[in-house]
Amino acid sequence: MKTSPRLIAFHLPQFHPTPENDEWWGKGFTEWTNVAKAKPLYPDHYQPHVPADLGFYDLRLPEARHAQAELAREYGIEGFCYYHYWFGDGRRMLERPVNEILASGEPDFPFCLCWANHSWNNIWQGTADRTLIEQTYPGLEDHRLHFEWLLKAFKDRRYITVDDKPLFLIYNPTDIPELPNVILFWRELAKQAGLAGLYLVGVNYRHRQDWNPISVGLDASTWQPLPPKDGHIPPRYRLRRLLNRIFLGKKSSLTVYDYADTIEQLTRKSPPNFPDYPTVLPNWDNTPRSGENGLVLHGSTPELFGRVLRRGLSLISDNEPEHQIVFIKAWNEWAEGNYLEPDQFHGHGYLNVVRQELSRFRTESNI
């Protein structure tokens, strides 16, 4: 029996150099490159974000992966959901950390995978006019090859399951041609491989709230809402933007919302009539990547995030324990400002809130 609720944090493996990133962005580029060079874009803008306990780690090091796992375990995170990149014809990216986790059996910490099936472009420079790697879907034989690779992970004793079925997320499910047929194909391959099945969750970040994952053959969805990037900016910062345009010639499409004002939008108000798991967001600020084209949820605090997490937990409180799942976006997406790892400003504040809200949920569930 799983201990509930089940908090699973998305995990970005972009914290180690790769030949491709060296070519595109310069020698030694990692996620830290953008994080470290970030600058405040308006008064009271919290940038740069500087890591605390774990430092500017390199995920090629087993010690770094162990430290992450031990910290997450200490505060009640069940496991990591590693972003997984398969671009078609067997091409992968950022694969080294998960490859080594599978090969070594360490750290002894649960995990699952999310297929981040999207093309890569130069959005990291605030634009999107150059495709670096195109996400392709060559056909069923490629889906077979993909499944055969995934099977190594699915059969790992640490792999997270739901109803004894490996949990696998798909970031852009409806981008996959003939998705229902692909899902049926994978389910048959899973059966042939001796698995109890697959538990497939589609990430809903661009569909309407009422998008039903069952309609395309998935088992569930997780809703990842963000307010629109529409140039909104609080009145107190508008004069600064105007002055920048007049005197510095800076053009900006920066969008800024107060995190406190978006809390109602960051979770559903009630569970839908289909299986759906909340994704809760500690913060968002992708200006380290996108600069003046970024989106900022200004003024997030551990206490405010606690309210969002509490709402997320309330949405799954009536589920069977195995299905009391809440995803957190994310453990370490530093260049988008959403992370639980300790930083120099909040310390362990967000992790402390996670532990407190887990304790509150379990206490109230036993009343």
Protein backbone atom coordinates (compact mmCIF):
# COMPACT_ATOMS: atom_id res chain seq x y z
CA MET A 1 0.00 0.00 0.00
CA LYS A 2 1.35 3.38 -0.98
CA THR A 3 1.67 6.11 1.62
CA SER A 4 -0.63 8.91 0.56
CA PRO A 5 -0.70 11.55 -0.67
CA ARG A 6 1.83 10.99 -3.42
CA LEU A 7 3.86 14.06 -4.34
CA ILE A 8 5.85 13.66 -7.56
CA ALA A 9 8.15 16.49 -8.65
CA PHE A 10 9.11 17.13 -12.27
CA HIS A 11 12.88 17.03 -12.69
CA LEU A 12 14.86 18.77 -15.44
CA PRO A 13 18.12 17.04 -16.53
CA GLN A 14 19.55 20.16 -18.24
CA PHE A 15 22.31 20.61 -15.63
CA HIS A 16 25.21 19.04 -17.49
CA PRO A 17 27.03 19.95 -20.70
CA THR A 18 26.23 18.21 -23.97
CA PRO A 19 27.91 18.48 -27.39
CA GLU A 20 24.72 19.91 -28.89
CA ASN A 21 24.38 22.64 -26.26
CA ASP A 22 28.07 23.45 -26.64
CA GLU A 23 27.45 23.99 -30.36
CA TRP A 24 24.26 26.03 -29.97
CA TRP A 25 24.99 28.13 -26.91
CA GLY A 26 28.71 27.97 -26.22
CA LYS A 27 31.14 25.66 -24.48
CA GLY A 28 29.91 24.35 -21.13
CA PHE A 29 26.34 25.63 -21.45
CA THR A 30 23.85 24.25 -18.91
CA GLU A 31 20.68 25.57 -17.29
CA TRP A 32 22.93 27.38 -14.82
CA THR A 33 24.30 29.60 -17.61
CA ASN A 34 21.00 31.45 -17.96
CA VAL A 35 20.26 31.35 -14.23
CA ALA A 36 23.54 33.00 -13.26
CA LYS A 37 23.39 35.85 -15.78
CA ALA A 38 19.77 36.87 -15.05
CA LYS A 39 19.13 40.51 -14.08
CA PRO A 40 16.17 42.29 -12.45
CA LEU A 41 13.89 43.81 -15.10
CA TYR A 42 11.79 46.06 -12.84
CA PRO A 43 11.82 47.26 -9.19
CA ASP A 44 11.65 44.43 -6.63
CA HIS A 45 12.15 41.81 -9.34
CA TYR A 46 13.81 38.84 -7.61
CA GLN A 47 16.71 37.97 -9.89
CA PRO A 48 19.11 36.26 -10.03
CA HIS A 49 18.08 33.12 -8.16
CA VAL A 50 21.12 31.56 -6.49
CA PRO A 51 21.09 27.96 -5.19
CA ALA A 52 21.92 27.25 -1.57
CA ASP A 53 22.54 23.73 -0.18
CA LEU A 54 23.11 21.90 -3.47
CA GLY A 55 25.07 24.67 -5.20
CA PHE A 56 25.54 24.87 -8.97
CA TYR A 57 25.56 21.10 -9.33
CA ASP A 58 26.48 18.95 -12.32
CA LEU A 59 24.13 15.99 -12.87
CA ARG A 60 26.94 13.90 -14.30
CA LEU A 61 28.06 13.45 -10.69
CA PRO A 62 26.44 10.63 -8.69
CA GLU A 63 26.96 12.72 -5.56
CA ALA A 64 24.72 15.46 -6.96
CA ARG A 65 21.96 13.00 -7.83
CA HIS A 66 22.19 11.42 -4.38
CA ALA A 67 21.99 14.79 -2.66
CA GLN A 68 18.85 15.71 -4.61
CA ALA A 69 17.17 12.41 -3.78
CA GLU A 70 18.00 12.57 -0.07
CA LEU A 71 16.71 16.12 0.21
CA ALA A 72 13.49 15.28 -1.60
CA ARG A 73 12.94 12.19 0.55
CA GLU A 74 13.54 14.16 3.75
CA TYR A 75 10.66 16.52 2.95
CA GLY A 76 8.13 13.95 1.75
CA ILE A 77 8.51 13.88 -2.04
CA GLU A 78 7.69 10.36 -3.24
CA GLY A 79 9.78 10.56 -6.39
CA PHE A 80 11.02 12.50 -9.39
CA CYS A 81 9.42 12.61 -12.83
CA TYR A 82 12.39 13.05 -15.15
CA TYR A 83 11.82 14.81 -18.45
CA HIS A 84 12.67 12.35 -21.22
CA TYR A 85 13.50 13.41 -24.78
CA TRP A 86 12.91 11.10 -27.75
CA PHE A 87 12.84 13.03 -31.01
CA GLY A 88 12.24 10.12 -33.37
CA ASP A 89 14.55 7.60 -35.03
CA GLY A 90 16.09 6.90 -31.63
CA ARG A 91 17.50 10.39 -31.13
CA ARG A 92 17.61 11.43 -27.48
CA MET A 93 18.94 14.42 -25.58
CA LEU A 94 19.99 15.07 -21.97
CA GLU A 95 19.91 11.32 -21.48
CA ARG A 96 23.04 10.85 -19.38
CA PRO A 97 21.60 11.31 -15.85
CA VAL A 98 18.76 8.81 -16.35
CA ASN A 99 21.02 6.39 -18.23
CA GLU A 100 23.39 6.36 -15.27
CA ILE A 101 20.58 6.10 -12.73
CA LEU A 102 19.31 3.02 -14.55
CA ALA A 103 22.76 1.47 -14.99
CA SER A 104 23.96 2.05 -11.43
CA GLY A 105 20.76 1.43 -9.46
CA GLU A 106 21.48 4.65 -7.57
CA PRO A 107 20.14 6.73 -6.01
CA ASP A 108 17.63 4.39 -4.40
CA PHE A 109 14.77 6.82 -4.97
CA PRO A 110 11.53 6.35 -6.93
CA PHE A 111 11.17 7.91 -10.37
CA CYS A 112 9.05 7.95 -13.48
CA LEU A 113 9.40 9.60 -16.89
CA CYS A 114 7.62 12.34 -18.83
CA TRP A 115 8.11 12.28 -22.60
CA ALA A 116 8.77 15.95 -23.40
CA ASN A 117 7.71 15.51 -27.03
CA HIS A 118 8.29 18.97 -28.43
CA SER A 119 10.77 20.50 -30.85
CA TRP A 120 13.64 22.58 -29.50
CA ASN A 121 14.18 26.10 -30.76
CA ASN A 122 16.04 29.22 -29.70
CA ILE A 123 13.34 30.31 -27.24
CA TRP A 124 16.20 30.42 -24.70
CA GLN A 125 17.21 33.71 -26.32
CA GLY A 126 13.67 35.08 -26.12
CA THR A 127 12.89 34.26 -29.74
CA ALA A 128 11.60 31.23 -31.55
CA ASP A 129 12.69 31.51 -35.18
CA ARG A 130 15.22 28.71 -35.40
CA THR A 131 14.47 25.02 -34.90
CA LEU A 132 17.36 23.18 -33.27
CA ILE A 133 15.84 19.70 -33.08
CA GLU A 134 12.50 18.82 -34.61
CA GLN A 135 10.21 16.41 -32.80
CA THR A 136 9.23 13.74 -35.35
CA TYR A 137 7.00 10.67 -35.32
CA PRO A 138 8.36 8.32 -38.01
CA GLY A 139 5.74 5.60 -37.42
CA LEU A 140 4.94 2.46 -35.47
CA GLU A 141 8.42 0.97 -35.78
CA ASP A 142 9.86 4.04 -34.07
CA HIS A 143 7.18 3.78 -31.38
CA ARG A 144 8.27 0.16 -30.91
CA LEU A 145 11.92 1.18 -30.53
CA HIS A 146 10.90 3.90 -28.10
CA PHE A 147 8.88 1.44 -26.01
CA GLU A 148 11.75 -1.07 -25.98
CA TRP A 149 14.01 1.60 -24.51
CA LEU A 150 11.35 2.65 -22.00
CA LEU A 151 10.91 -0.97 -20.93
CA LYS A 152 14.33 -0.86 -19.24
CA ALA A 153 13.02 1.92 -17.04
CA PHE A 154 9.55 0.42 -16.54
CA LYS A 155 11.08 -2.80 -15.18
CA ASP A 156 13.36 -0.99 -12.73
CA ARG A 157 12.29 -1.74 -9.15
CA ARG A 158 12.32 2.01 -8.35
CA TYR A 159 9.94 2.93 -11.14
CA ILE A 160 6.73 4.58 -9.87
CA THR A 161 3.53 2.66 -10.56
CA VAL A 162 -0.21 3.23 -10.26
CA ASP A 163 -2.23 0.06 -9.73
CA ASP A 164 1.03 -1.84 -10.40
CA LYS A 165 1.28 -0.21 -13.84
CA PRO A 166 4.28 1.99 -14.78
CA LEU A 167 3.33 5.68 -14.66
CA PHE A 168 4.30 7.48 -17.88
CA LEU A 169 3.48 11.07 -18.78
CA ILE A 170 3.25 12.60 -22.26
CA TYR A 171 3.75 16.34 -22.48
CA ASN A 172 2.05 16.94 -25.85
CA PRO A 173 -0.17 13.88 -26.28
CA THR A 174 -2.41 15.28 -29.02
CA ASP A 175 0.63 16.16 -31.17
CA ILE A 176 1.23 12.43 -31.73
CA PRO A 177 -0.33 11.28 -35.02
CA GLU A 178 -2.96 8.55 -34.58
CA LEU A 179 -2.53 8.76 -30.82
CA PRO A 180 -5.25 6.22 -29.89
CA ASN A 181 -3.62 3.61 -32.13
CA VAL A 182 -0.18 4.32 -30.67
CA ILE A 183 -1.56 3.93 -27.15
CA LEU A 184 -3.20 0.60 -28.04
CA PHE A 185 0.07 -0.53 -29.63
CA TRP A 186 2.05 0.36 -26.50
CA ARG A 187 -0.47 -1.33 -24.23
CA GLU A 188 -0.15 -4.53 -26.26
CA LEU A 189 3.65 -4.34 -26.10
CA ALA A 190 3.42 -3.87 -22.34
CA LYS A 191 1.25 -6.97 -22.07
CA GLN A 192 3.70 -8.97 -24.18
CA ALA A 193 6.54 -7.77 -21.91
CA GLY A 194 4.77 -9.11 -18.84
CA LEU A 195 3.76 -5.76 -17.37
CA ALA A 196 0.43 -5.28 -15.61
CA GLY A 197 -0.25 -2.55 -18.15
CA LEU A 198 0.63 1.12 -18.50
CA TYR A 199 -0.76 4.11 -16.63
CA LEU A 200 -0.60 6.95 -19.15
CA VAL A 201 -1.12 10.57 -18.13
CA GLY A 202 -1.41 13.41 -20.60
CA VAL A 203 -0.14 16.83 -19.59
CA ASN A 204 -2.84 19.44 -20.21
CA TYR A 205 -1.11 22.79 -20.46
CA ARG A 206 -2.81 24.21 -23.54
CA HIS A 207 -6.22 22.55 -23.69
CA ARG A 208 -9.39 23.70 -22.00
CA GLN A 209 -10.05 22.55 -18.46
CA ASP A 210 -12.69 20.11 -19.71
CA TRP A 211 -10.30 18.27 -22.08
CA ASN A 212 -10.99 14.61 -21.33
CA PRO A 213 -7.91 12.34 -21.61
CA ILE A 214 -10.09 9.25 -21.82
CA SER A 215 -11.30 10.44 -25.24
CA VAL A 216 -7.86 9.74 -26.74
CA GLY A 217 -7.15 6.53 -24.83
CA LEU A 218 -5.13 7.92 -21.92
CA ASP A 219 -5.80 7.00 -18.30
CA ALA A 220 -5.69 10.49 -16.80
CA SER A 221 -4.47 14.05 -17.23
CA THR A 222 -2.60 16.59 -15.19
CA TRP A 223 -3.60 20.21 -15.67
CA GLN A 224 -0.76 22.76 -15.79
CA PRO A 225 -2.33 26.22 -15.94
CA LEU A 226 -0.49 29.49 -16.40
CA PRO A 227 -1.99 32.95 -16.89
CA PRO A 228 -1.74 34.27 -20.47
CA LYS A 229 1.40 35.97 -21.71
CA ASP A 230 -0.38 39.12 -22.85
CA GLY A 231 1.85 42.02 -21.77
CA HIS A 232 -0.06 42.51 -18.52
CA ILE A 233 1.98 44.38 -15.92
CA PRO A 234 0.89 45.83 -12.55
CA PRO A 235 0.41 49.62 -12.55
CA ARG A 236 3.32 50.19 -10.16
CA TYR A 237 5.77 48.89 -12.80
CA ARG A 238 4.30 50.53 -15.91
CA LEU A 239 6.15 53.83 -15.51
CA ARG A 240 9.48 51.98 -15.38
CA ARG A 241 8.64 50.14 -18.59
CA LEU A 242 7.62 53.40 -20.28
CA LEU A 243 10.86 55.12 -19.24
CA ASN A 244 12.90 52.18 -20.51
CA ARG A 245 11.19 52.48 -23.87
CA ILE A 246 11.68 56.25 -24.10
CA PHE A 247 15.22 56.65 -22.80
CA LEU A 248 16.82 53.26 -23.39
CA GLY A 249 14.93 52.19 -26.48
CA LYS A 250 13.99 48.90 -24.83
CA LYS A 251 11.02 47.12 -26.35
CA SER A 252 9.33 44.79 -23.94
CA SER A 253 6.49 42.31 -24.02
CA LEU A 254 7.19 41.30 -20.43
CA THR A 255 4.11 39.96 -18.63
CA VAL A 256 3.95 40.25 -14.84
CA TYR A 257 1.23 39.02 -12.51
CA ASP A 258 1.26 38.98 -8.73
CA TYR A 259 1.47 35.36 -7.62
CA ALA A 260 -1.05 36.11 -4.87
CA ASP A 261 -3.57 37.24 -7.50
CA THR A 262 -3.17 34.07 -9.59
CA ILE A 263 -3.72 31.52 -6.81
CA GLU A 264 -7.34 30.95 -7.85
CA GLN A 265 -6.16 30.17 -11.39
CA LEU A 266 -3.38 27.75 -10.48
CA THR A 267 -5.63 24.84 -9.54
CA ARG A 268 -9.10 23.66 -10.45
CA LYS A 269 -11.93 24.70 -8.16
CA SER A 270 -13.32 21.15 -8.02
CA PRO A 271 -12.38 17.74 -9.45
CA PRO A 272 -13.55 17.12 -13.05
CA ASN A 273 -15.63 14.12 -14.11
CA PHE A 274 -12.55 12.30 -15.42
CA PRO A 275 -9.26 11.25 -13.78
CA ASP A 276 -7.06 14.32 -13.36
CA TYR A 277 -4.18 15.11 -11.04
CA PRO A 278 -3.23 18.67 -10.10
CA THR A 279 0.13 20.15 -10.99
CA VAL A 280 1.02 22.84 -8.45
CA LEU A 281 3.45 25.64 -9.18
CA PRO A 282 5.77 27.11 -6.51
CA ASN A 283 6.61 30.06 -8.72
CA TRP A 284 7.20 31.09 -12.34
CA ASP A 285 9.73 33.47 -13.83
CA ASN A 286 11.26 32.48 -17.16
CA THR A 287 13.06 35.80 -17.73
CA PRO A 288 16.48 34.09 -17.30
CA ARG A 289 15.62 32.36 -20.59
CA SER A 290 13.34 34.85 -22.31
CA GLY A 291 14.33 38.26 -20.92
CA GLU A 292 11.85 41.02 -21.78
CA ASN A 293 9.65 38.44 -23.51
CA GLY A 294 9.18 36.49 -20.29
CA LEU A 295 6.31 35.74 -17.93
CA VAL A 296 6.68 36.43 -14.19
CA LEU A 297 4.47 35.45 -11.28
CA HIS A 298 5.79 38.10 -8.93
CA GLY A 299 6.05 37.78 -5.17
CA SER A 300 5.71 34.05 -4.62
CA THR A 301 6.46 33.00 -1.04
CA PRO A 302 6.47 29.62 0.67
CA GLU A 303 3.32 30.63 2.54
CA LEU A 304 1.44 31.49 -0.65
CA PHE A 305 2.63 28.28 -2.30
CA GLY A 306 1.31 26.43 0.76
CA ARG A 307 -2.17 27.67 -0.14
CA VAL A 308 -1.82 26.39 -3.70
CA LEU A 309 -0.53 23.01 -2.54
CA ARG A 310 -3.36 22.74 0.00
CA ARG A 311 -5.90 23.36 -2.76
CA GLY A 312 -4.20 20.75 -4.93
CA LEU A 313 -4.27 18.18 -2.14
CA SER A 314 -7.95 18.87 -1.50
CA LEU A 315 -8.72 17.96 -5.13
CA ILE A 316 -7.43 14.40 -4.70
CA SER A 317 -8.53 13.84 -1.09
CA ASP A 318 -11.45 11.59 -2.09
CA ASN A 319 -9.33 9.42 -4.40
CA GLU A 320 -8.21 5.95 -3.48
CA PRO A 321 -4.77 6.16 -1.80
CA GLU A 322 -2.99 4.86 -4.90
CA HIS A 323 -4.51 7.72 -6.88
CA GLN A 324 -3.89 10.55 -4.42
CA ILE A 325 -1.27 12.07 -6.72
CA VAL A 326 -0.17 15.68 -6.94
CA PHE A 327 2.58 16.73 -9.34
CA ILE A 328 4.86 19.64 -8.45
CA LYS A 329 6.36 21.70 -11.24
CA ALA A 330 9.11 21.50 -10.44
CA TRP A 331 12.00 20.23 -8.38
CA ASN A 332 14.66 22.18 -10.29
CA GLU A 333 13.47 24.27 -13.24
CA TRP A 334 15.64 27.19 -12.15
CA ALA A 335 15.59 29.20 -15.39
CA GLU A 336 11.79 29.20 -15.27
CA GLY A 337 11.78 30.10 -11.60
CA ASN A 338 9.82 27.04 -10.49
CA TYR A 339 11.78 24.87 -8.11
CA LEU A 340 11.68 23.43 -4.61
CA GLU A 341 15.43 23.20 -4.12
CA PRO A 342 16.81 25.61 -1.50
CA ASP A 343 17.97 29.01 -2.68
CA GLN A 344 19.79 31.89 -0.99
CA PHE A 345 16.59 33.90 -0.46
CA HIS A 346 13.98 31.42 0.82
CA GLY A 347 16.29 28.68 2.09
CA HIS A 348 14.26 25.54 2.79
CA GLY A 349 11.03 27.53 2.90
CA TYR A 350 9.23 25.78 0.04
CA LEU A 351 10.33 22.35 1.22
CA ASN A 352 9.18 23.11 4.75
CA VAL A 353 5.75 24.01 3.37
CA VAL A 354 5.60 20.71 1.49
CA ARG A 355 6.25 18.80 4.71
CA GLN A 356 3.73 20.90 6.66
CA GLU A 357 0.95 20.46 4.13
CA LEU A 358 1.56 16.72 3.90
CA SER A 359 1.29 16.50 7.68
CA ARG A 360 -1.88 18.61 7.67
CA PHE A 361 -3.47 16.42 4.97
CA ARG A 362 -2.72 13.20 6.82
CA THR A 363 -3.96 14.58 10.12
CA GLU A 364 -7.22 15.82 8.61
CA SER A 365 -7.71 12.57 6.69
CA ASN A 366 -7.60 10.62 9.97
CA ILE A 367 -10.17 12.79 11.78
